[in-house]
Amino acid sequence: MADPVTTVTSPIRLEYDINAGEAPSRFLRGLVEGRIVGQRCPVCSKVYVPPRGSCPVDGVATTDEVELAHTGTVTTFCVVNLEFSPLAPEIPYVCAQVLLDGADIALFGLIAETPAAEVRMGMRVEAVFLPPEERTTSITSIKWFRPTGEPDAAYDSYKEYL
């Protein structure tokens, strides 16, 4: 009797058309204009970016739109040393969670214009947008974040966002 087949490897490709929804669409349209837009919960007052249209803590609609600063704090980061995509930046590069000033959830982005070895938790950074003619309704309209030169944020100011 032959051994049973336990796995099959088969190439597959799935393509999706996803509707972003009302709140995320406003966020994405804001990026085209060079703005970062979040929404505030009317119950707990937390500001979510990108907005989802409801507060995950209180379960209520978030309709109060908030324009956020382009500056923030690196809360966590990863130095990438493996080339895995032809679209990826030159290695090493840094991916980070950036807590924008005024937000209550960190936004994912690249850190550039500084050596990877100098990136650290608490580093103050600012968003660098693509030129207006290159922006689209995509998070990639924020090209990356770069150091502001400000002193690092105190750990207590971002520790609850790790």
C-alpha atoms as a PDB file:
ATOM      1  CA  MET A   1       0.000   0.000   0.000  1.00  0.00           C
ATOM      2  CA  ALA A   2       1.309   3.482  -0.926  1.00  0.00           C
ATOM      3  CA  ASP A   3       1.922   6.162   1.690  1.00  0.00           C
ATOM      4  CA  PRO A   4      -1.063   8.495   2.120  1.00  0.00           C
ATOM      5  CA  VAL A   5      -0.855  11.992   0.666  1.00  0.00           C
ATOM      6  CA  THR A   6      -0.718  14.425   3.587  1.00  0.00           C
ATOM      7  CA  THR A   7       0.053  17.735   1.859  1.00  0.00           C
ATOM      8  CA  VAL A   8      -0.193  19.244  -1.588  1.00  0.00           C
ATOM      9  CA  THR A   9       1.790  22.278  -2.693  1.00  0.00           C
ATOM     10  CA  SER A  10       0.063  24.328  -5.337  1.00  0.00           C
ATOM     11  CA  PRO A  11       0.694  27.860  -6.564  1.00  0.00           C
ATOM     12  CA  ILE A  12      -2.281  30.120  -5.964  1.00  0.00           C
ATOM     13  CA  ARG A  13      -3.063  33.774  -6.501  1.00  0.00           C
ATOM     14  CA  LEU A  14      -5.993  35.663  -5.054  1.00  0.00           C
ATOM     15  CA  GLU A  15      -6.851  39.222  -6.007  1.00  0.00           C
ATOM     16  CA  TYR A  16      -9.089  41.366  -3.836  1.00  0.00           C
ATOM     17  CA  ASP A  17     -10.940  44.607  -4.337  1.00  0.00           C
ATOM     18  CA  ILE A  18     -11.497  46.013  -0.872  1.00  0.00           C
ATOM     19  CA  ASN A  19     -13.796  48.878   0.018  1.00  0.00           C
ATOM     20  CA  ALA A  20     -11.974  50.903   2.664  1.00  0.00           C
ATOM     21  CA  GLY A  21     -15.174  52.182   4.249  1.00  0.00           C
ATOM     22  CA  GLU A  22     -16.167  55.728   5.166  1.00  0.00           C
ATOM     23  CA  ALA A  23     -13.712  56.540   7.981  1.00  0.00           C
ATOM     24  CA  PRO A  24     -10.614  54.943   6.410  1.00  0.00           C
ATOM     25  CA  SER A  25     -11.501  56.605   3.084  1.00  0.00           C
ATOM     26  CA  ARG A  26     -11.419  60.044   4.736  1.00  0.00           C
ATOM     27  CA  PHE A  27      -8.006  59.140   6.185  1.00  0.00           C
ATOM     28  CA  LEU A  28      -6.706  58.071   2.757  1.00  0.00           C
ATOM     29  CA  ARG A  29      -8.110  61.170   1.020  1.00  0.00           C
ATOM     30  CA  GLY A  30      -6.401  63.263   3.709  1.00  0.00           C
ATOM     31  CA  LEU A  31      -3.047  61.702   2.818  1.00  0.00           C
ATOM     32  CA  VAL A  32      -3.466  62.909  -0.773  1.00  0.00           C
ATOM     33  CA  GLU A  33      -3.786  66.427   0.686  1.00  0.00           C
ATOM     34  CA  GLY A  34      -0.764  65.949   2.973  1.00  0.00           C
ATOM     35  CA  ARG A  35      -2.919  65.632   6.101  1.00  0.00           C
ATOM     36  CA  ILE A  36      -3.099  62.842   8.679  1.00  0.00           C
ATOM     37  CA  VAL A  37      -6.664  62.425   9.908  1.00  0.00           C
ATOM     38  CA  GLY A  38      -7.880  60.366  12.852  1.00  0.00           C
ATOM     39  CA  GLN A  39     -11.122  60.110  14.797  1.00  0.00           C
ATOM     40  CA  ARG A  40     -11.867  60.655  18.492  1.00  0.00           C
ATOM     41  CA  CYS A  41     -14.123  58.411  20.563  1.00  0.00           C
ATOM     42  CA  PRO A  42     -16.935  60.435  22.187  1.00  0.00           C
ATOM     43  CA  VAL A  43     -16.800  58.197  25.291  1.00  0.00           C
ATOM     44  CA  CYS A  44     -13.091  57.623  26.138  1.00  0.00           C
ATOM     45  CA  SER A  45     -11.674  60.495  24.003  1.00  0.00           C
ATOM     46  CA  LYS A  46      -8.998  58.256  22.457  1.00  0.00           C
ATOM     47  CA  VAL A  47      -7.875  59.267  18.968  1.00  0.00           C
ATOM     48  CA  TYR A  48      -7.488  56.455  16.461  1.00  0.00           C
ATOM     49  CA  VAL A  49      -5.383  56.692  13.314  1.00  0.00           C
ATOM     50  CA  PRO A  50      -6.140  55.383  10.819  1.00  0.00           C
ATOM     51  CA  PRO A  51      -9.764  55.613  11.929  1.00  0.00           C
ATOM     52  CA  ARG A  52     -12.034  52.598  11.661  1.00  0.00           C
ATOM     53  CA  GLY A  53     -15.328  54.364  12.302  1.00  0.00           C
ATOM     54  CA  SER A  54     -15.861  52.955  15.791  1.00  0.00           C
ATOM     55  CA  CYS A  55     -14.040  52.733  19.086  1.00  0.00           C
ATOM     56  CA  PRO A  56     -12.827  49.179  19.770  1.00  0.00           C
ATOM     57  CA  VAL A  57     -13.000  49.810  23.523  1.00  0.00           C
ATOM     58  CA  ASP A  58     -16.437  51.421  23.836  1.00  0.00           C
ATOM     59  CA  GLY A  59     -18.117  50.046  20.703  1.00  0.00           C
ATOM     60  CA  VAL A  60     -19.517  53.437  19.660  1.00  0.00           C
ATOM     61  CA  ALA A  61     -19.233  55.349  16.407  1.00  0.00           C
ATOM     62  CA  THR A  62     -16.290  57.754  16.114  1.00  0.00           C
ATOM     63  CA  THR A  63     -17.405  60.720  14.071  1.00  0.00           C
ATOM     64  CA  ASP A  64     -15.273  63.531  15.553  1.00  0.00           C
ATOM     65  CA  GLU A  65     -12.522  63.991  12.979  1.00  0.00           C
ATOM     66  CA  VAL A  66      -9.103  65.099  14.274  1.00  0.00           C
ATOM     67  CA  GLU A  67      -6.216  66.367  12.162  1.00  0.00           C
ATOM     68  CA  LEU A  68      -3.016  65.056  13.676  1.00  0.00           C
ATOM     69  CA  ALA A  69       0.475  66.480  13.746  1.00  0.00           C
ATOM     70  CA  HIS A  70       3.067  65.122  11.337  1.00  0.00           C
ATOM     71  CA  THR A  71       5.388  64.559  14.299  1.00  0.00           C
ATOM     72  CA  GLY A  72       5.515  61.661  16.711  1.00  0.00           C
ATOM     73  CA  THR A  73       7.575  59.255  18.762  1.00  0.00           C
ATOM     74  CA  VAL A  74       9.072  55.895  17.795  1.00  0.00           C
ATOM     75  CA  THR A  75       7.583  53.404  20.268  1.00  0.00           C
ATOM     76  CA  THR A  76       9.015  50.185  18.829  1.00  0.00           C
ATOM     77  CA  PHE A  77      11.020  49.330  15.739  1.00  0.00           C
ATOM     78  CA  CYS A  78      12.718  46.574  13.772  1.00  0.00           C
ATOM     79  CA  VAL A  79      15.903  46.752  11.703  1.00  0.00           C
ATOM     80  CA  VAL A  80      15.401  44.710   8.529  1.00  0.00           C
ATOM     81  CA  ASN A  81      18.550  43.042   7.184  1.00  0.00           C
ATOM     82  CA  LEU A  82      17.009  40.612   4.697  1.00  0.00           C
ATOM     83  CA  GLU A  83      16.170  41.471   1.130  1.00  0.00           C
ATOM     84  CA  PHE A  84      12.750  40.012   0.428  1.00  0.00           C
ATOM     85  CA  SER A  85      11.156  42.287  -2.142  1.00  0.00           C
ATOM     86  CA  PRO A  86      12.431  44.311  -5.084  1.00  0.00           C
ATOM     87  CA  LEU A  87      10.227  47.172  -3.808  1.00  0.00           C
ATOM     88  CA  ALA A  88      11.843  47.237  -0.346  1.00  0.00           C
ATOM     89  CA  PRO A  89      14.368  49.956   0.518  1.00  0.00           C
ATOM     90  CA  GLU A  90      18.072  49.212   0.528  1.00  0.00           C
ATOM     91  CA  ILE A  91      19.004  47.102   3.552  1.00  0.00           C
ATOM     92  CA  PRO A  92      19.370  47.667   6.379  1.00  0.00           C
ATOM     93  CA  TYR A  93      16.189  49.691   6.826  1.00  0.00           C
ATOM     94  CA  VAL A  94      13.930  50.357   9.781  1.00  0.00           C
ATOM     95  CA  CYS A  95      10.202  49.694  10.221  1.00  0.00           C
ATOM     96  CA  ALA A  96       8.654  51.344  13.256  1.00  0.00           C
ATOM     97  CA  GLN A  97       5.498  52.093  15.163  1.00  0.00           C
ATOM     98  CA  VAL A  98       5.184  55.881  15.403  1.00  0.00           C
ATOM     99  CA  LEU A  99       2.847  57.380  17.978  1.00  0.00           C
ATOM    100  CA  LEU A 100       1.779  60.626  16.342  1.00  0.00           C
ATOM    101  CA  ASP A 101       1.361  63.604  18.656  1.00  0.00           C
ATOM    102  CA  GLY A 102      -2.292  63.636  19.689  1.00  0.00           C
ATOM    103  CA  ALA A 103      -2.987  60.002  18.729  1.00  0.00           C
ATOM    104  CA  ASP A 104      -3.687  57.024  20.978  1.00  0.00           C
ATOM    105  CA  ILE A 105      -2.535  54.303  18.613  1.00  0.00           C
ATOM    106  CA  ALA A 106       0.761  54.053  16.755  1.00  0.00           C
ATOM    107  CA  LEU A 107       1.028  54.200  12.968  1.00  0.00           C
ATOM    108  CA  PHE A 108       3.369  51.842  11.091  1.00  0.00           C
ATOM    109  CA  GLY A 109       6.015  53.387   8.838  1.00  0.00           C
ATOM    110  CA  LEU A 110       9.595  53.412   7.649  1.00  0.00           C
ATOM    111  CA  ILE A 111      12.320  55.430   9.362  1.00  0.00           C
ATOM    112  CA  ALA A 112      14.843  57.007   6.999  1.00  0.00           C
ATOM    113  CA  GLU A 113      17.357  59.822   6.639  1.00  0.00           C
ATOM    114  CA  THR A 114      19.338  58.400   9.569  1.00  0.00           C
ATOM    115  CA  PRO A 115      21.518  55.296   9.968  1.00  0.00           C
ATOM    116  CA  ALA A 116      19.533  52.257  11.133  1.00  0.00           C
ATOM    117  CA  ALA A 117      21.876  51.856  14.119  1.00  0.00           C
ATOM    118  CA  GLU A 118      20.837  55.302  15.406  1.00  0.00           C
ATOM    119  CA  VAL A 119      17.081  54.619  15.525  1.00  0.00           C
ATOM    120  CA  ARG A 120      15.795  54.122  19.063  1.00  0.00           C
ATOM    121  CA  MET A 121      12.644  54.004  21.130  1.00  0.00           C
ATOM    122  CA  GLY A 122      11.603  57.514  22.092  1.00  0.00           C
ATOM    123  CA  MET A 123      13.169  59.097  18.984  1.00  0.00           C
ATOM    124  CA  ARG A 124      11.140  62.072  17.763  1.00  0.00           C
ATOM    125  CA  VAL A 125      10.297  61.860  14.064  1.00  0.00           C
ATOM    126  CA  GLU A 126       8.238  63.642  11.416  1.00  0.00           C
ATOM    127  CA  ALA A 127       6.356  62.376   8.379  1.00  0.00           C
ATOM    128  CA  VAL A 128       7.846  62.960   4.944  1.00  0.00           C
ATOM    129  CA  PHE A 129       5.169  62.923   2.252  1.00  0.00           C
ATOM    130  CA  LEU A 130       5.636  62.166  -1.411  1.00  0.00           C
ATOM    131  CA  PRO A 131       5.412  65.221  -3.675  1.00  0.00           C
ATOM    132  CA  PRO A 132       1.735  66.213  -4.185  1.00  0.00           C
ATOM    133  CA  GLU A 133       1.633  64.940  -7.769  1.00  0.00           C
ATOM    134  CA  GLU A 134       2.765  61.452  -6.630  1.00  0.00           C
ATOM    135  CA  ARG A 135       0.350  61.004  -3.719  1.00  0.00           C
ATOM    136  CA  THR A 136      -2.477  58.517  -3.919  1.00  0.00           C
ATOM    137  CA  THR A 137      -5.121  57.226  -1.540  1.00  0.00           C
ATOM    138  CA  SER A 138      -2.545  54.918   0.041  1.00  0.00           C
ATOM    139  CA  ILE A 139      -0.484  54.923   3.233  1.00  0.00           C
ATOM    140  CA  THR A 140       2.540  54.962   0.904  1.00  0.00           C
ATOM    141  CA  SER A 141       1.808  58.679   0.376  1.00  0.00           C
ATOM    142  CA  ILE A 142       3.808  58.990   3.597  1.00  0.00           C
ATOM    143  CA  LYS A 143       7.208  58.159   2.158  1.00  0.00           C
ATOM    144  CA  TRP A 144       8.789  57.655   5.587  1.00  0.00           C
ATOM    145  CA  PHE A 145       9.487  59.316   8.908  1.00  0.00           C
ATOM    146  CA  ARG A 146      12.751  61.133   9.647  1.00  0.00           C
ATOM    147  CA  PRO A 147      14.313  62.392  12.883  1.00  0.00           C
ATOM    148  CA  THR A 148      13.253  65.887  13.952  1.00  0.00           C
ATOM    149  CA  GLY A 149      16.382  66.570  15.995  1.00  0.00           C
ATOM    150  CA  GLU A 150      14.261  67.112  19.119  1.00  0.00           C
ATOM    151  CA  PRO A 151      15.327  65.411  22.347  1.00  0.00           C
ATOM    152  CA  ASP A 152      13.961  61.887  22.789  1.00  0.00           C
ATOM    153  CA  ALA A 153      10.558  61.544  24.415  1.00  0.00           C
ATOM    154  CA  ALA A 154      10.528  60.284  27.980  1.00  0.00           C
ATOM    155  CA  TYR A 155       9.674  56.592  28.263  1.00  0.00           C
ATOM    156  CA  ASP A 156       6.692  57.352  30.513  1.00  0.00           C
ATOM    157  CA  SER A 157       5.114  59.388  27.692  1.00  0.00           C
ATOM    158  CA  TYR A 158       4.726  56.356  25.398  1.00  0.00           C
ATOM    159  CA  LYS A 159       5.100  53.206  27.552  1.00  0.00           C
ATOM    160  CA  GLU A 160       1.370  52.435  27.511  1.00  0.00           C
ATOM    161  CA  TYR A 161       1.467  52.324  23.681  1.00  0.00           C
ATOM    162  CA  LEU A 162       4.033  49.519  23.358  1.00  0.00           C
END
